Amino acid sequence: MDKFKDCSFSTELLYNFDEDEDGNKTYTDIKDEMPIIMGGIITSIDKINTKSGSIMGFVTIEDVYGGIECVFFPKKYEKYKEFLINEQIIKIYGKIQLREGSAPSVLVDKAEMLDETKHDSAETVKTEQEYLGVILNEETAEQKEDILDILTSYPGDINVMFKIGGKNFKASSKVRRCKGLISELLSVVNESDIKFFKR
């Protein structure tokens, strides 16, 4: 895949190591603080609140050989959180972190969202897409099926993202922006829980 041609790292390198009697691993192809570029798909996201109230993200990214945990410190997480969602194809730039007793991880400096349906031209990559975001809480999560039924009544080109319990889910339906859609959604959720945005 051309969009991954500049990637310098794959998780295949994690299988190359020497192990001593105590189980400590010495990797032969990677070293601590080594700069890497990696591409893959997001398979899990965990967030923690720091003492200062900021959010850090621990994102598992998998390629064809396996997965590795990628750490987004608060400023990086805030910058890239809009596309840190499960099954999103992503490219990251960062540094390998090797700590005794822990699996290798990546400290992320930069991230790029990749979409397999897009072409590789710079113009296409920069094109913003419109999204409808619907936030559901514990009380309204049960109404998800009702909302999906509403969405199918207004087909269009706008992607739909659900946010449920802090996690993002992309709906298969696409909609058009109109008063009828918004009116029906307001019968299920609050106005503050419906947002149109671009990215």
Protein backbone atom coordinates (compact mmCIF):
# COMPACT_ATOMS: atom_id res chain seq x y z
CA MET A 1 0.00 0.00 0.00
CA ASP A 2 1.62 3.24 -1.14
CA LYS A 3 0.45 5.26 1.86
CA PHE A 4 2.57 3.01 4.10
CA LYS A 5 5.68 2.97 1.89
CA ASP A 6 7.61 5.32 4.22
CA CYS A 7 6.84 3.28 7.36
CA SER A 8 10.04 2.24 9.11
CA PHE A 9 8.48 -0.06 11.70
CA SER A 10 6.18 -3.06 11.83
CA THR A 11 5.37 -5.25 14.80
CA GLU A 12 7.25 -8.08 13.06
CA LEU A 13 10.37 -6.53 14.64
CA LEU A 14 9.00 -7.33 18.11
CA TYR A 15 9.55 -11.04 17.48
CA ASN A 16 13.31 -10.64 17.15
CA PHE A 17 14.88 -10.76 20.61
CA ASP A 18 17.22 -12.63 22.93
CA GLU A 19 15.84 -13.76 26.29
CA ASP A 20 17.85 -14.47 29.44
CA GLU A 21 17.09 -16.97 32.21
CA ASP A 22 14.91 -14.45 34.04
CA GLY A 23 12.76 -13.83 31.00
CA ASN A 24 14.20 -10.39 30.24
CA LYS A 25 14.18 -9.64 26.54
CA THR A 26 16.86 -7.84 24.55
CA TYR A 27 15.45 -6.78 21.20
CA THR A 28 17.79 -7.06 18.24
CA ASP A 29 16.05 -4.75 15.76
CA ILE A 30 14.69 -1.98 17.98
CA LYS A 31 16.12 0.14 20.75
CA ASP A 32 14.82 2.63 23.28
CA GLU A 33 14.03 6.10 21.88
CA MET A 34 14.35 4.84 18.28
CA PRO A 35 12.28 7.06 15.93
CA ILE A 36 9.67 5.10 13.97
CA ILE A 37 6.86 5.55 11.48
CA MET A 38 4.09 2.95 11.65
CA GLY A 39 0.78 2.34 9.91
CA GLY A 40 -2.09 0.17 11.05
CA ILE A 41 -5.64 -0.02 12.36
CA ILE A 42 -6.86 1.03 15.80
CA THR A 43 -8.19 -1.98 17.73
CA SER A 44 -8.61 -0.54 21.24
CA ILE A 45 -8.52 2.78 23.07
CA ASP A 46 -8.08 3.39 26.79
CA LYS A 47 -8.12 6.82 28.40
CA ILE A 48 -6.95 7.95 31.81
CA ASN A 49 -7.31 11.25 33.62
CA THR A 50 -4.07 12.79 34.81
CA LYS A 51 -3.71 14.60 38.13
CA SER A 52 -4.05 17.90 36.27
CA GLY A 53 -7.40 16.82 34.82
CA SER A 54 -6.09 16.22 31.30
CA ILE A 55 -6.68 13.03 29.33
CA MET A 56 -4.04 10.62 28.10
CA GLY A 57 -4.78 8.02 25.45
CA PHE A 58 -3.41 4.48 25.22
CA VAL A 59 -4.21 3.27 21.73
CA THR A 60 -3.47 -0.22 20.40
CA ILE A 61 -2.56 -0.17 16.73
CA GLU A 62 -2.32 -3.41 14.77
CA ASP A 63 -0.61 -4.19 11.49
CA VAL A 64 -0.48 -7.54 9.71
CA TYR A 65 1.97 -8.98 12.27
CA GLY A 66 0.41 -7.89 15.58
CA GLY A 67 -0.26 -4.90 17.79
CA ILE A 68 1.58 -2.37 19.94
CA GLU A 69 0.39 0.18 22.50
CA CYS A 70 0.82 3.80 21.41
CA VAL A 71 0.81 6.51 24.06
CA PHE A 72 -0.77 9.89 23.39
CA PHE A 73 0.17 12.40 26.09
CA PRO A 74 -2.53 15.01 26.87
CA LYS A 75 -1.56 17.61 24.24
CA LYS A 76 -1.25 14.96 21.52
CA TYR A 77 -4.47 13.27 22.59
CA GLU A 78 -6.36 16.56 22.47
CA LYS A 79 -4.97 17.28 19.01
CA TYR A 80 -5.82 13.91 17.47
CA LYS A 81 -8.76 12.61 19.54
CA GLU A 82 -11.33 13.21 16.78
CA PHE A 83 -10.00 10.31 14.72
CA LEU A 84 -8.81 8.05 17.54
CA ILE A 85 -11.66 5.60 17.05
CA ASN A 86 -11.82 1.84 16.68
CA GLU A 87 -11.16 0.48 13.16
CA GLN A 88 -9.69 3.79 11.99
CA ILE A 89 -6.65 3.33 9.75
CA ILE A 90 -3.87 5.55 11.03
CA LYS A 91 -0.21 6.39 10.55
CA ILE A 92 1.86 7.46 13.55
CA TYR A 93 5.26 9.06 14.01
CA GLY A 94 6.97 8.58 17.34
CA LYS A 95 9.65 6.86 19.41
CA ILE A 96 9.94 3.32 20.73
CA GLN A 97 9.84 3.04 24.51
CA LEU A 98 11.50 0.01 26.09
CA ARG A 99 11.01 -0.46 29.84
CA GLU A 100 12.10 -3.46 31.87
CA GLY A 101 9.13 -5.62 32.77
CA SER A 102 6.83 -3.92 30.23
CA ALA A 103 5.99 -4.62 26.62
CA PRO A 104 7.45 -2.19 24.05
CA SER A 105 5.28 0.85 23.35
CA VAL A 106 5.38 3.96 21.18
CA LEU A 107 5.36 7.56 22.40
CA VAL A 108 3.42 9.39 19.69
CA ASP A 109 4.66 12.70 18.29
CA LYS A 110 2.32 12.95 15.30
CA ALA A 111 -0.62 11.04 13.83
CA GLU A 112 -2.40 11.00 10.48
CA MET A 113 -5.82 9.58 9.67
CA LEU A 114 -5.83 7.39 6.59
CA ASP A 115 -8.85 6.27 4.63
CA GLU A 116 -8.50 3.41 2.16
CA THR A 117 -11.24 4.89 -0.01
CA LYS A 118 -9.23 8.05 -0.58
CA HIS A 119 -6.61 8.61 -3.25
CA ASP A 120 -3.07 9.54 -2.35
CA SER A 121 -3.09 13.00 -3.88
CA ALA A 122 -2.46 15.82 -1.45
CA GLU A 123 -5.64 17.58 -2.49
CA THR A 124 -7.83 14.58 -1.75
CA VAL A 125 -6.23 13.85 1.59
CA LYS A 126 -6.90 17.39 2.76
CA THR A 127 -10.58 17.26 1.83
CA GLU A 128 -12.75 17.59 4.92
CA GLN A 129 -15.76 15.37 5.42
CA GLU A 130 -18.90 16.41 7.26
CA TYR A 131 -20.07 14.36 10.22
CA LEU A 132 -23.13 14.23 12.42
CA GLY A 133 -22.21 13.43 16.00
CA VAL A 134 -24.81 11.97 18.36
CA ILE A 135 -23.95 11.70 22.05
CA LEU A 136 -25.79 9.03 24.02
CA ASN A 137 -25.75 8.58 27.80
CA GLU A 138 -26.94 5.66 29.92
CA GLU A 139 -30.56 6.75 29.63
CA THR A 140 -30.56 7.30 25.86
CA ALA A 141 -28.25 4.45 24.83
CA GLU A 142 -31.29 2.16 24.64
CA GLN A 143 -32.69 4.47 21.96
CA LYS A 144 -29.83 3.74 19.56
CA GLU A 145 -31.96 1.45 17.40
CA ASP A 146 -34.67 4.13 17.17
CA ILE A 147 -32.05 6.65 16.09
CA LEU A 148 -30.68 4.27 13.46
CA ASP A 149 -34.21 3.92 12.06
CA ILE A 150 -34.46 7.72 11.87
CA LEU A 151 -31.13 7.96 10.04
CA THR A 152 -32.23 5.54 7.31
CA SER A 153 -35.16 7.86 6.52
CA TYR A 154 -32.80 10.69 5.53
CA PRO A 155 -30.10 9.18 3.27
CA GLY A 156 -27.28 11.49 2.20
CA ASP A 157 -23.50 12.02 2.23
CA ILE A 158 -22.89 12.96 5.88
CA ASN A 159 -21.18 10.35 8.07
CA VAL A 160 -22.66 9.61 11.49
CA MET A 161 -20.67 9.07 14.68
CA PHE A 162 -22.13 7.89 17.99
CA LYS A 163 -20.43 8.67 21.27
CA ILE A 164 -21.54 6.22 23.94
CA GLY A 165 -19.90 6.06 27.34
CA GLY A 166 -16.84 7.93 26.12
CA LYS A 167 -16.29 5.65 23.13
CA ASN A 168 -16.90 6.53 19.48
CA PHE A 169 -18.78 4.33 17.03
CA LYS A 170 -19.28 5.01 13.34
CA ALA A 171 -22.74 4.25 11.97
CA SER A 172 -23.14 2.52 8.63
CA SER A 173 -25.84 4.99 7.59
CA LYS A 174 -25.10 8.35 6.00
CA VAL A 175 -27.59 11.22 6.18
CA ARG A 176 -28.49 14.58 4.72
CA ARG A 177 -28.77 17.72 6.83
CA CYS A 178 -32.40 18.84 7.05
CA LYS A 179 -35.02 20.05 9.53
CA GLY A 180 -36.90 16.75 9.43
CA LEU A 181 -33.86 14.77 10.55
CA ILE A 182 -33.03 17.17 13.37
CA SER A 183 -36.67 17.33 14.50
CA GLU A 184 -36.91 13.55 14.77
CA LEU A 185 -33.58 13.27 16.58
CA LEU A 186 -34.71 15.89 19.09
CA SER A 187 -37.58 13.59 20.03
CA VAL A 188 -34.97 11.15 21.35
CA VAL A 189 -31.96 13.22 22.50
CA ASN A 190 -31.24 16.77 23.62
CA GLU A 191 -30.19 19.48 21.18
CA SER A 192 -26.79 19.70 22.91
CA ASP A 193 -26.21 16.02 22.06
CA ILE A 194 -26.46 16.61 18.31
CA LYS A 195 -23.52 18.25 16.55
CA PHE A 196 -22.47 18.67 12.94
CA PHE A 197 -18.72 18.99 12.40
CA LYS A 198 -16.07 18.60 9.75
CA ARG A 199 -12.68 16.88 9.78
